[in-house]
Amino acid sequence: MPKIKTNRAAAKRFKKTGSGKFVYNKSFGSHILTKKTTKRKRSLRQSQIIDRSNHRQLRLLLPNH
């Protein structure tokens, strides 16, 4: 049987926490920051937790994590 491959694009974007949840960083926070409000930029810094409804898809993308 061949090995199951990890989706490398997903592996770079998502990390698994100790409790088994998936964490990701928000997009749109790297450039063109002058027109974005301070409040918006501050909220872009925090990482987010993936909703439970998307866990099955992420488990298929990241089988070895």
Protein backbone atom coordinates (compact mmCIF):
# COMPACT_ATOMS: atom_id res chain seq x y z
CA MET A 1 0.00 0.00 0.00
CA PRO A 2 1.30 3.50 -0.78
CA LYS A 3 1.68 6.05 1.95
CA ILE A 4 -0.94 8.77 2.42
CA LYS A 5 0.48 12.15 1.45
CA THR A 6 -0.06 15.36 3.39
CA ASN A 7 -1.35 18.35 1.43
CA ARG A 8 1.66 20.67 1.75
CA ALA A 9 -0.35 23.85 1.09
CA ALA A 10 -2.65 23.04 4.02
CA ALA A 11 0.27 22.01 6.24
CA LYS A 12 1.80 25.48 5.84
CA ARG A 13 -1.46 27.23 6.74
CA PHE A 14 -2.90 25.18 9.61
CA LYS A 15 -1.50 23.89 12.89
CA LYS A 16 -3.06 21.45 15.29
CA THR A 17 -3.38 22.46 18.96
CA GLY A 18 -2.84 20.15 21.90
CA SER A 19 -6.58 19.60 22.25
CA GLY A 20 -6.94 18.62 18.59
CA LYS A 21 -8.34 21.86 17.20
CA PHE A 22 -6.94 23.53 14.08
CA VAL A 23 -5.53 27.06 14.21
CA TYR A 24 -4.81 29.43 11.32
CA ASN A 25 -3.69 33.01 10.80
CA LYS A 26 -5.97 35.50 9.06
CA SER A 27 -5.20 36.80 5.59
CA PHE A 28 -4.92 40.39 4.30
CA GLY A 29 -2.48 41.51 7.01
CA SER A 30 0.80 41.77 5.12
CA HIS A 31 0.63 44.78 2.77
CA ILE A 32 -1.51 47.79 1.77
CA LEU A 33 -1.93 48.53 5.48
CA THR A 34 -2.31 52.33 5.21
CA LYS A 35 -5.97 52.17 4.20
CA LYS A 36 -6.89 49.60 6.86
CA THR A 37 -8.03 50.83 10.25
CA THR A 38 -5.97 50.20 13.39
CA LYS A 39 -8.78 48.07 14.81
CA ARG A 40 -8.86 45.92 11.68
CA LYS A 41 -5.07 45.45 11.65
CA ARG A 42 -5.09 44.54 15.33
CA SER A 43 -7.74 41.86 14.77
CA LEU A 44 -5.75 40.43 11.85
CA ARG A 45 -2.86 39.65 14.23
CA GLN A 46 -4.82 37.09 16.24
CA SER A 47 -5.02 33.50 15.08
CA GLN A 48 -8.40 31.86 14.63
CA ILE A 49 -9.74 28.39 15.39
CA ILE A 50 -11.32 26.40 12.55
CA ASP A 51 -15.02 25.61 12.98
CA ARG A 52 -15.95 22.02 13.85
CA SER A 53 -17.86 21.66 10.56
CA ASN A 54 -14.56 21.92 8.61
CA HIS A 55 -12.57 19.44 10.73
CA ARG A 56 -13.38 16.48 8.48
CA GLN A 57 -11.99 18.24 5.40
CA LEU A 58 -8.82 19.25 7.25
CA ARG A 59 -8.29 15.72 8.56
CA LEU A 60 -8.34 14.50 4.94
CA LEU A 61 -5.81 17.17 3.93
CA LEU A 62 -3.56 16.59 6.97
CA PRO A 63 -3.76 12.84 7.68
CA ASN A 64 -0.38 12.65 9.46
CA HIS A 65 -0.88 15.61 11.80
